[in-house]
Protein backbone atom coordinates (compact mmCIF):
# COMPACT_ATOMS: atom_id res chain seq x y z
CA UNK A 1 3.34 6.38 23.39
CA UNK A 2 -0.04 5.99 21.67
CA UNK A 3 0.70 4.70 18.18
CA UNK A 4 -1.75 5.80 15.47
CA UNK A 5 0.49 5.44 12.42
CA UNK A 6 -0.18 1.83 11.39
CA UNK A 7 -0.46 2.76 7.70
CA UNK A 8 3.22 3.71 7.82
CA UNK A 9 4.34 0.50 9.50
CA UNK A 10 3.22 -1.97 12.14
CA UNK A 11 4.95 -3.72 15.05
CA UNK A 12 5.72 -7.38 14.42
CA UNK A 13 3.22 -9.82 15.88
CA UNK A 14 4.46 -12.35 18.40
CA UNK A 15 3.70 -15.17 15.97
CA UNK A 16 5.61 -13.53 13.11
CA UNK A 17 8.55 -12.75 15.38
CA UNK A 18 8.71 -16.34 16.68
CA UNK A 19 8.66 -17.75 13.15
CA UNK A 20 11.39 -15.34 12.07
CA UNK A 21 13.68 -16.45 14.90
CA UNK A 22 13.02 -20.14 14.34
CA UNK A 23 13.43 -19.86 10.56
CA UNK A 24 16.67 -17.90 10.91
CA UNK A 25 17.98 -20.61 13.19
CA UNK A 26 16.81 -23.63 11.19
CA UNK A 27 16.46 -22.51 7.54
CA UNK A 28 19.54 -20.31 7.26
CA UNK A 29 20.75 -21.84 3.98
CA UNK A 30 20.78 -20.09 0.61
CA UNK A 31 17.64 -21.31 -1.12
CA UNK A 32 19.55 -21.50 -4.42
CA UNK A 33 22.21 -23.85 -3.05
CA UNK A 34 21.92 -27.50 -4.07
CA UNK A 35 22.98 -29.07 -0.78
CA UNK A 36 20.45 -30.27 1.77
CA UNK A 37 20.56 -27.07 3.84
CA UNK A 38 19.75 -25.01 0.75
CA UNK A 39 17.09 -27.49 -0.36
CA UNK A 40 15.35 -27.23 3.00
CA UNK A 41 15.27 -23.41 2.70
CA UNK A 42 13.91 -23.69 -0.84
CA UNK A 43 11.18 -26.07 0.28
CA UNK A 44 10.10 -23.54 2.90
CA UNK A 45 9.98 -20.84 0.20
CA UNK A 46 7.80 -23.07 -1.94
CA UNK A 47 5.32 -23.47 0.91
CA UNK A 48 5.28 -19.68 1.43
CA UNK A 49 4.64 -19.01 -2.27
CA UNK A 50 1.74 -21.44 -2.26
CA UNK A 51 0.15 -19.97 0.87
CA UNK A 52 0.46 -16.35 -0.29
CA UNK A 53 -0.91 -17.25 -3.72
CA UNK A 54 -3.93 -18.87 -2.09
CA UNK A 55 -4.62 -15.68 -0.10
CA UNK A 56 -4.97 -13.64 -3.31
CA UNK A 57 -6.58 -16.45 -5.34
CA UNK A 58 -3.56 -16.50 -7.61
CA UNK A 59 -1.10 -19.12 -8.81
CA UNK A 60 1.99 -20.22 -6.91
CA UNK A 61 4.31 -19.71 -9.90
CA UNK A 62 3.35 -16.04 -10.03
CA UNK A 63 4.80 -15.06 -6.62
CA UNK A 64 8.18 -13.29 -6.62
CA UNK A 65 9.65 -12.07 -3.33
CA UNK A 66 11.12 -8.57 -3.00
CA UNK A 67 12.58 -6.27 -0.34
CA UNK A 68 9.23 -4.53 0.21
CA UNK A 69 6.39 -2.63 -1.41
CA UNK A 70 8.48 0.06 -3.07
CA UNK A 71 10.75 -2.39 -4.82
CA UNK A 72 7.73 -4.52 -5.69
CA UNK A 73 6.10 -1.57 -7.48
CA UNK A 74 9.29 -0.62 -9.29
CA UNK A 75 10.12 -4.13 -10.46
CA UNK A 76 6.56 -4.97 -11.44
CA UNK A 77 6.02 -1.84 -13.52
CA UNK A 78 9.46 -1.88 -15.16
CA UNK A 79 9.40 -5.59 -15.99
CA UNK A 80 5.88 -5.42 -17.44
CA UNK A 81 6.51 -2.22 -19.40
CA UNK A 82 9.63 -3.57 -21.06
CA UNK A 83 8.08 -6.95 -21.78
CA UNK A 84 5.27 -5.34 -23.78
CA UNK A 85 7.05 -2.37 -25.35
CA UNK A 86 6.89 -4.04 -28.76
CA UNK A 87 3.14 -3.32 -28.70
CA UNK A 88 3.50 0.31 -27.63
CA UNK A 89 5.05 2.59 -25.04
CA UNK A 90 2.05 4.17 -23.35
CA UNK A 91 1.41 3.67 -19.63
CA UNK A 92 -1.51 4.95 -17.57
CA UNK A 93 -1.55 5.51 -13.82
CA UNK A 94 -3.42 7.79 -11.43
CA UNK A 95 -2.56 11.15 -9.90
CA UNK A 96 -2.75 9.71 -6.35
CA UNK A 97 -0.37 6.75 -6.56
CA UNK A 98 2.36 6.00 -4.04
CA UNK A 99 5.63 7.88 -4.59
CA UNK A 100 7.34 4.70 -5.79
CA UNK A 101 4.90 4.35 -8.69
CA UNK A 102 5.29 7.98 -9.72
CA UNK A 103 9.07 7.66 -9.46
CA UNK A 104 9.35 4.63 -11.73
CA UNK A 105 6.88 6.16 -14.19
CA UNK A 106 8.99 9.33 -14.33
CA UNK A 107 12.06 7.20 -14.99
CA UNK A 108 10.28 5.31 -17.77
CA UNK A 109 9.31 8.62 -19.35
CA UNK A 110 13.01 9.48 -19.56
CA UNK A 111 13.54 6.12 -21.27
CA UNK A 112 11.06 6.83 -24.06
CA UNK A 113 7.72 5.75 -22.59
CA UNK A 114 4.69 8.05 -22.40
CA UNK A 115 2.75 8.21 -19.14
CA UNK A 116 -0.76 9.56 -18.60
CA UNK A 117 -1.80 10.48 -15.05
CA UNK A 118 -5.59 10.23 -14.87
CA UNK A 119 -7.44 12.51 -12.42
CA UNK A 120 -9.58 11.55 -9.43
CA UNK A 121 -12.86 12.88 -8.05
CA UNK A 122 -13.32 14.82 -4.81
CA UNK A 123 -13.17 11.57 -2.84
CA UNK A 124 -9.90 10.50 -4.46
CA UNK A 125 -11.42 7.84 -6.69
CA UNK A 126 -10.14 7.39 -10.23
CA UNK A 127 -12.27 8.91 -12.99
CA UNK A 128 -13.16 5.80 -15.03
CA UNK A 129 -14.35 7.85 -17.99
CA UNK A 130 -11.07 9.79 -18.08
CA UNK A 131 -9.13 6.54 -17.88
CA UNK A 132 -11.08 5.02 -20.74
CA UNK A 133 -10.58 8.14 -22.86
CA UNK A 134 -6.83 8.00 -22.15
CA UNK A 135 -6.52 4.50 -23.62
CA UNK A 136 -4.88 4.32 -27.03
CA UNK A 137 -3.64 1.60 -29.37
CA UNK A 138 -0.22 2.20 -27.80
CA UNK A 139 -1.37 1.57 -24.20
CA UNK A 140 0.39 -1.49 -22.80
CA UNK A 141 0.08 -1.11 -19.02
CA UNK A 142 -2.23 0.49 -16.45
CA UNK A 143 -1.25 0.74 -12.78
CA UNK A 144 -3.89 1.88 -10.28
CA UNK A 145 -3.56 1.46 -6.51
CA UNK A 146 -6.11 -0.60 -4.59
CA UNK A 147 -6.49 2.04 -1.88
CA UNK A 148 -4.97 5.44 -1.26
CA UNK A 149 -2.39 5.56 1.52
CA UNK A 150 -3.37 9.07 2.69
CA UNK A 151 -7.17 9.03 2.78
CA UNK A 152 -7.96 5.34 2.29
CA UNK A 153 -10.23 5.61 -0.76
CA UNK A 154 -10.67 2.21 -2.40
CA UNK A 155 -10.45 2.21 -6.19
CA UNK A 156 -12.96 0.40 -8.46
CA UNK A 157 -10.46 -2.21 -9.59
CA UNK A 158 -13.02 -4.70 -10.84
CA UNK A 159 -14.58 -2.12 -13.16
CA UNK A 160 -11.17 -0.99 -14.41
CA UNK A 161 -9.95 -4.56 -14.76
CA UNK A 162 -12.94 -5.62 -16.82
CA UNK A 163 -12.37 -2.71 -19.20
CA UNK A 164 -8.67 -3.51 -19.59
CA UNK A 165 -9.22 -7.23 -20.00
CA UNK A 166 -11.52 -6.57 -22.96
CA UNK A 167 -8.75 -4.50 -24.54
CA UNK A 168 -5.99 -6.97 -23.58
CA UNK A 169 -4.04 -4.35 -21.60
CA UNK A 170 -1.90 -5.48 -18.65
CA UNK A 171 -3.28 -4.33 -15.28
CA UNK A 172 -1.10 -3.85 -12.18
CA UNK A 173 -2.20 -2.62 -8.75
CA UNK A 174 -0.29 -1.46 -5.68
CA UNK A 175 -2.11 -3.46 -2.98
CA UNK A 176 0.32 -2.68 -0.16
CA UNK A 177 -2.29 -0.85 1.94
CA UNK A 178 -5.10 -3.36 1.35
CA UNK A 179 -3.43 -6.77 1.59
CA UNK A 180 -4.58 -8.44 4.81
CA UNK A 181 -7.29 -5.81 5.38
CA UNK A 182 -9.83 -6.38 2.62
CA UNK A 183 -10.25 -9.40 0.31
CA UNK A 184 -8.06 -9.50 -2.79
CA UNK A 185 -9.04 -11.89 -5.58
CA UNK A 186 -6.79 -11.25 -8.57
CA UNK A 187 -9.06 -13.21 -10.89
CA UNK A 188 -12.27 -11.50 -9.83
CA UNK A 189 -10.61 -8.08 -10.09
CA UNK A 190 -9.02 -9.00 -13.45
CA UNK A 191 -5.57 -8.13 -12.10
CA UNK A 192 -2.47 -9.34 -13.92
CA UNK A 193 -0.06 -8.14 -11.25
CA UNK A 194 -0.06 -6.79 -7.70
CA UNK A 195 2.45 -5.55 -5.12
CA UNK A 196 2.22 -6.40 -1.41
CA UNK A 197 4.40 -5.80 1.67
CA UNK A 198 5.03 -7.46 5.01
CA UNK A 199 5.47 -4.57 7.42
CA UNK A 200 1.92 -3.26 6.92
CA UNK A 201 0.44 -6.46 8.37
CA UNK A 202 2.60 -7.04 11.47
CA UNK A 203 5.39 -8.82 9.63
CA UNK A 204 9.07 -7.81 9.34
CA UNK A 205 10.30 -4.82 7.37
CA UNK A 206 12.34 -5.41 4.23
CA UNK A 207 10.05 -8.10 2.80
CA UNK A 208 7.40 -7.91 0.08
CA UNK A 209 6.22 -9.65 -3.03
CA UNK A 210 5.03 -9.15 -6.58
CA UNK A 211 2.41 -11.35 -8.16
CA UNK A 212 2.41 -11.67 -11.92
CA UNK A 213 -0.05 -14.00 -13.60
CA UNK A 214 2.13 -16.77 -15.07
CA UNK A 215 0.40 -16.29 -18.43
CA UNK A 216 1.61 -12.64 -18.59
CA UNK A 217 5.06 -11.89 -19.96
CA UNK A 218 7.60 -9.90 -17.94
CA UNK A 219 11.13 -8.74 -18.79
CA UNK A 220 14.19 -9.54 -16.67
CA UNK A 221 15.32 -6.22 -15.16
CA UNK A 222 18.97 -7.16 -14.64
CA UNK A 223 20.50 -9.55 -17.21
CA UNK A 224 21.65 -12.96 -15.98
CA UNK A 225 19.71 -12.71 -12.73
CA UNK A 226 19.14 -16.19 -11.31
CA UNK A 227 17.25 -15.62 -8.05
CA UNK A 228 13.45 -15.53 -8.02
CA UNK A 229 13.37 -17.01 -11.54
CA UNK A 230 15.27 -13.96 -12.76
CA UNK A 231 12.80 -11.43 -11.38
CA UNK A 232 15.07 -10.02 -8.65
CA UNK A 233 18.79 -10.45 -7.91
CA UNK A 234 20.19 -11.26 -4.49
CA UNK A 235 19.99 -14.00 -1.90
CA UNK A 236 16.40 -14.55 -0.85
CA UNK A 237 15.42 -13.58 2.71
CA UNK A 238 13.97 -16.93 3.78
CA UNK A 239 13.35 -16.10 7.49
CA UNK A 240 11.73 -12.80 6.57
CA UNK A 241 9.50 -14.46 3.98
CA UNK A 242 8.42 -17.19 6.41
CA UNK A 243 7.60 -14.49 8.96
CA UNK A 244 5.75 -12.45 6.30
CA UNK A 245 3.67 -15.48 5.33
CA UNK A 246 2.83 -16.16 8.98
CA UNK A 247 1.72 -12.54 9.42
CA UNK A 248 -0.39 -12.74 6.25
CA UNK A 249 -2.15 -15.93 7.35
CA UNK A 250 -2.73 -14.43 10.78
CA UNK A 251 -4.10 -11.20 9.27
CA UNK A 252 -6.53 -13.13 7.10
CA UNK A 253 -7.70 -15.20 10.06
CA UNK A 254 -8.41 -12.08 12.15
CA UNK A 255 -9.39 -9.78 9.28
CA UNK A 256 -13.14 -9.52 9.78
CA UNK A 257 -12.93 -9.06 13.54
CA UNK A 258 -10.12 -6.50 13.35
CA UNK A 259 -11.76 -4.50 10.56
CA UNK A 260 -15.09 -4.45 12.39
CA UNK A 261 -13.39 -3.06 15.49
CA UNK A 262 -11.46 -0.48 13.47
CA UNK A 263 -14.62 0.58 11.66
CA UNK A 264 -16.27 1.25 15.04
CA UNK A 265 -13.24 3.26 16.22
CA UNK A 266 -13.32 5.34 13.04
CA UNK A 267 -17.04 6.02 13.48
CA UNK A 268 -16.44 7.03 17.10
CA UNK A 269 -13.62 9.41 16.11
CA UNK A 270 -15.79 11.14 13.51
CA UNK A 271 -18.69 11.40 15.97
CA UNK A 272 -16.45 13.04 18.56
CA UNK A 273 -15.10 15.54 16.04
CA UNK A 274 -18.66 16.53 15.13
CA UNK A 275 -19.88 16.53 18.74
CA UNK A 276 -17.09 18.83 19.90
CA UNK A 277 -17.50 21.01 16.80
CA UNK A 278 -13.81 20.88 16.00
CA UNK A 279 -12.83 22.61 12.72
CA UNK A 280 -11.57 19.36 11.22
CA UNK A 281 -12.58 17.83 7.89
CA UNK A 282 -12.43 14.03 7.76
CA UNK A 283 -12.18 12.56 4.27
CA UNK A 284 -14.41 9.58 3.73
CA UNK A 285 -15.74 7.92 0.60
CA UNK A 286 -19.47 7.12 1.02
CA UNK A 287 -19.04 3.43 0.12
CA UNK A 288 -15.44 2.60 -0.84
CA UNK A 289 -13.43 3.42 2.26
CA UNK A 290 -10.54 1.64 3.98
CA UNK A 291 -11.58 2.16 7.63
CA UNK A 292 -8.13 2.12 9.21
CA UNK A 293 -6.89 5.21 7.34
CA UNK A 294 -8.37 8.51 8.59
CA UNK A 295 -7.23 11.48 6.51
CA UNK A 296 -8.05 14.91 7.98
CA UNK A 297 -7.58 18.62 7.41
CA UNK A 298 -7.06 20.48 10.70
CA UNK A 299 -8.10 23.95 9.62
CA UNK A 300 -5.84 26.74 10.80
CA UNK A 301 -2.76 24.59 11.43
CA UNK A 302 -0.12 23.05 9.23
CA UNK A 303 -0.05 19.28 9.45
CA UNK A 304 3.51 19.14 10.75
CA UNK A 305 2.60 21.45 13.65
CA UNK A 306 -0.35 19.20 14.55
CA UNK A 307 1.87 16.14 14.33
CA UNK A 308 4.43 17.68 16.70
CA UNK A 309 1.65 18.81 19.06
CA UNK A 310 0.34 15.24 19.21
CA UNK A 311 3.86 13.91 19.69
CA UNK A 312 4.30 16.18 22.75
CA UNK A 313 1.16 14.53 24.11
CA UNK A 314 2.58 11.06 23.52
CA UNK A 315 0.62 10.35 20.34
CA UNK A 316 2.22 9.26 17.06
CA UNK A 317 0.39 10.33 13.89
CA UNK A 318 1.64 11.38 10.46
CA UNK A 319 1.21 14.00 7.77
CA UNK A 320 0.77 11.44 5.01
CA UNK A 321 2.89 8.78 3.38
CA UNK A 322 5.94 7.88 5.45
CA UNK A 323 7.96 7.95 2.23
CA UNK A 324 7.39 11.71 2.08
CA UNK A 325 8.35 12.57 5.67
CA UNK A 326 10.62 15.59 5.95
CA UNK A 327 9.33 17.21 2.79
CA UNK A 328 7.46 20.49 3.11
CA UNK A 329 5.39 19.90 -0.03
CA UNK A 330 1.62 19.67 0.47
CA UNK A 331 -0.16 16.33 0.36
CA UNK A 332 -0.27 15.18 -3.27
CA UNK A 333 -3.62 13.52 -2.64
CA UNK A 334 -5.11 16.77 -1.33
CA UNK A 335 -3.89 18.61 -4.42
CA UNK A 336 -5.26 15.87 -6.67
CA UNK A 337 -8.75 16.13 -5.15
CA UNK A 338 -8.79 19.89 -5.71
CA UNK A 339 -7.46 21.49 -2.52
CA UNK A 340 -5.32 24.63 -2.66
CA UNK A 341 -1.70 24.31 -1.57
CA UNK A 342 -2.11 26.12 1.77
CA UNK A 343 -5.10 23.98 2.68
CA UNK A 344 -3.34 20.80 1.55
CA UNK A 345 -0.53 21.53 4.01
CA UNK A 346 -3.08 21.24 6.84
CA UNK A 347 -3.38 17.52 6.20
CA UNK A 348 -2.76 14.86 8.86
CA UNK A 349 -3.31 11.12 8.82
CA UNK A 350 -4.39 8.89 11.67
CA UNK A 351 -4.22 5.17 10.99
CA UNK A 352 -5.63 2.58 13.33
CA UNK A 353 -4.45 -0.97 13.88
CA UNK A 354 -5.36 -4.15 15.70
CA UNK A 355 -4.01 -2.75 18.99
CA UNK A 356 -5.86 0.58 18.83
CA UNK A 357 -8.36 1.20 21.65
CA UNK A 358 -11.25 3.56 22.24
CA UNK A 359 -9.30 5.34 24.99
CA UNK A 360 -6.49 6.04 22.52
CA UNK A 361 -8.96 7.56 20.08
CA UNK A 362 -10.31 9.69 22.92
CA UNK A 363 -6.77 10.81 23.73
CA UNK A 364 -6.12 12.07 20.20
CA UNK A 365 -9.50 13.85 20.13
CA UNK A 366 -8.58 15.50 23.43
CA UNK A 367 -5.21 16.60 22.02
CA UNK A 368 -6.89 18.08 18.94
CA UNK A 369 -9.45 19.82 21.16
CA UNK A 370 -6.67 21.34 23.25
CA UNK A 371 -4.99 22.58 20.08
CA UNK A 372 -8.13 24.47 19.16
CA UNK A 373 -8.42 25.93 22.68
CA UNK A 374 -4.88 27.23 22.42
CA UNK A 375 -5.73 28.85 19.12
CA UNK A 376 -8.83 30.53 20.54
CA UNK A 377 -6.87 31.91 23.51
CA UNK A 378 -4.31 33.67 21.34
């Protein structure tokens, strides 16, 4: 099977898998236990916090481990919103955020908060002017993703962060799709908090982290929680975290080489689509584009049909965020950038990874070409 769904999840690297096995065997203790076995596990966690913090130019005390990106988003937004609710109850996010962000914002609305969903332009980038106009004296938190999971548009976080810093408004970003792929410097981007996940960078599933600047207040979600300094309840997954950290360090080491290769594969895919005159629109921001995510509209076919057609040819692609699989609703990103519902349902997503080859890209182009031939022969 040709796997072109790396934005959904990635296979574990050999290095991350080896560290997981060794850590599970050696550091199996509860990191909160006071005996030597627990102390050894806690010392390993401390090393992991320090290394992850260094990768994002943050502080070790600001790293809190979670079960993944979704929980990281939920805990970050809830804990920050409740910690600052004495100043106001207004939150701003974008219309193209991950489902987890929209879900927790909807829940907070039911709890008395007000949420503004700012629009994006035709490339999927947040309208800075609209965001600035949405700010009020009651605004306490803004959450804008680093890059869109469906079309890969990178958001102008530095510009947004500078604006919010001047107004002393807490800034969170879902960096699940960008961590390990493009540089993240929380200080340069003026970010108070970010969410990251392991399984997008060849680490194990079920592991993620939230970073909150130690100078920024957050509210304990569940009273009397003792793990992760009260940020999240439950025994900490030490082997998974060690494996996650290994994957993150490995991703950073290979980042420039991998991204250069993926950029070339993306360029080749687009060239082939144009050369063969296939009725496919590839979404691409002129300057701020995550190269591994290739969002397309295959005109004349619903995305799920195209996905199944590719699957019959041994190619795994998706119709958008994996968290939305099984739903017949059109791509929320396509709707947000102004596409009609019928057209938005024609959306598919290819996502390349470190193992993707030119021959695999040629195979998916061939499958899409065959789809069009079948249509013409009807």
